[in-house]
């Protein structure tokens, strides 16, 4: 949901997105003045730079006992000063799990404040909104329950959020296969994800690829390199489409950060989306329409642990996705007034 002063209330969300650029060049200059580092650098910020704002890490979880322990261990192993570590809280919102997620989580002690919230199954959008409602941080980091963070992840995101306003900071993932007993050793080895394996760096698409929310557009069979073709996303605004993606559709909430104030301006995630897919795309669309830039983070990333389908099967997941695509397209073509009236929280 968008704030009332976003645009003409009679403009559709699609129209607003078509008029928004993503050229964050001026922010690069501001960032360099503050940290003496390049915003798009692949190197970590020097440890002499510290953040001072509280950080809330929000993790929705549904039957993820096979992976979430790895996520929490990787947060516990972050390279942080004592001062920075005291500013961190992790909020796990258990969305009606029927496995032993809670037992797994509580079997370890952590160096951060952990809030565990159990709710009846209501979906990831509701879970994330509940997490933020219980968050004390000025900075929000959204993770999925199946990622392992590189050791500098939290610092890199927190420092960026503290330095720059109206940004969605986007990290990239490297898919891996890993058993639970391997989590500790893997994380201790300080492995570095190869973020260029992420689909946003390179992905082959073809006309028969059905997982697309712009079905009325012709699709060319080719390898799409979103990061390269968009000049690190700077040229990816104004409704531009590369392959099957536009700017909102590359924002995945498995590893993103922003200021809480920006989350509150759009009133969080739309809870009409059920099951897998598109709730993060719509959330990103609202943030972009509300004057936020999407900025890539190349200095850190995550490993994504491959696992069984949370929806039960690939067929069920695809059905959920297709239903959410229809919902997304309907919202995209509504006016701001209509979205504000119909949005469910």
Foldseek 3Di string as FASTA:
>chain_A
DFFPPLDPLQDFLLRLQLPFFQAPPVLQVLLCVVQVDGQADQADGDLVDFFQWAEEEAEEDAQLLFALLLAQVLVLLADHDLNRQARYEYEYEYQQHPDCNVVSVPVDDGSHHYHYHYDHHQADQVRRLVSLVPDPTQKYKFAYSFKRWQRHQVGSQRSSQRRDAQAKEAFAEAEDADGPVCSVVVSVVRDAGPRCVGLLQKDFDPQPPPLALPVVDGAHGDIWGNCVVCVQRRNQTSQDDIGRDGVLVVHDSNTIMHGVVLCVNLPTWQSVQHADDDRSSLSSSNSSSNPHHYGYHNNIHIYGHDDADSLRHPVSRVVSSVVNSVVSVVSSRGGNVVCVVPGDD
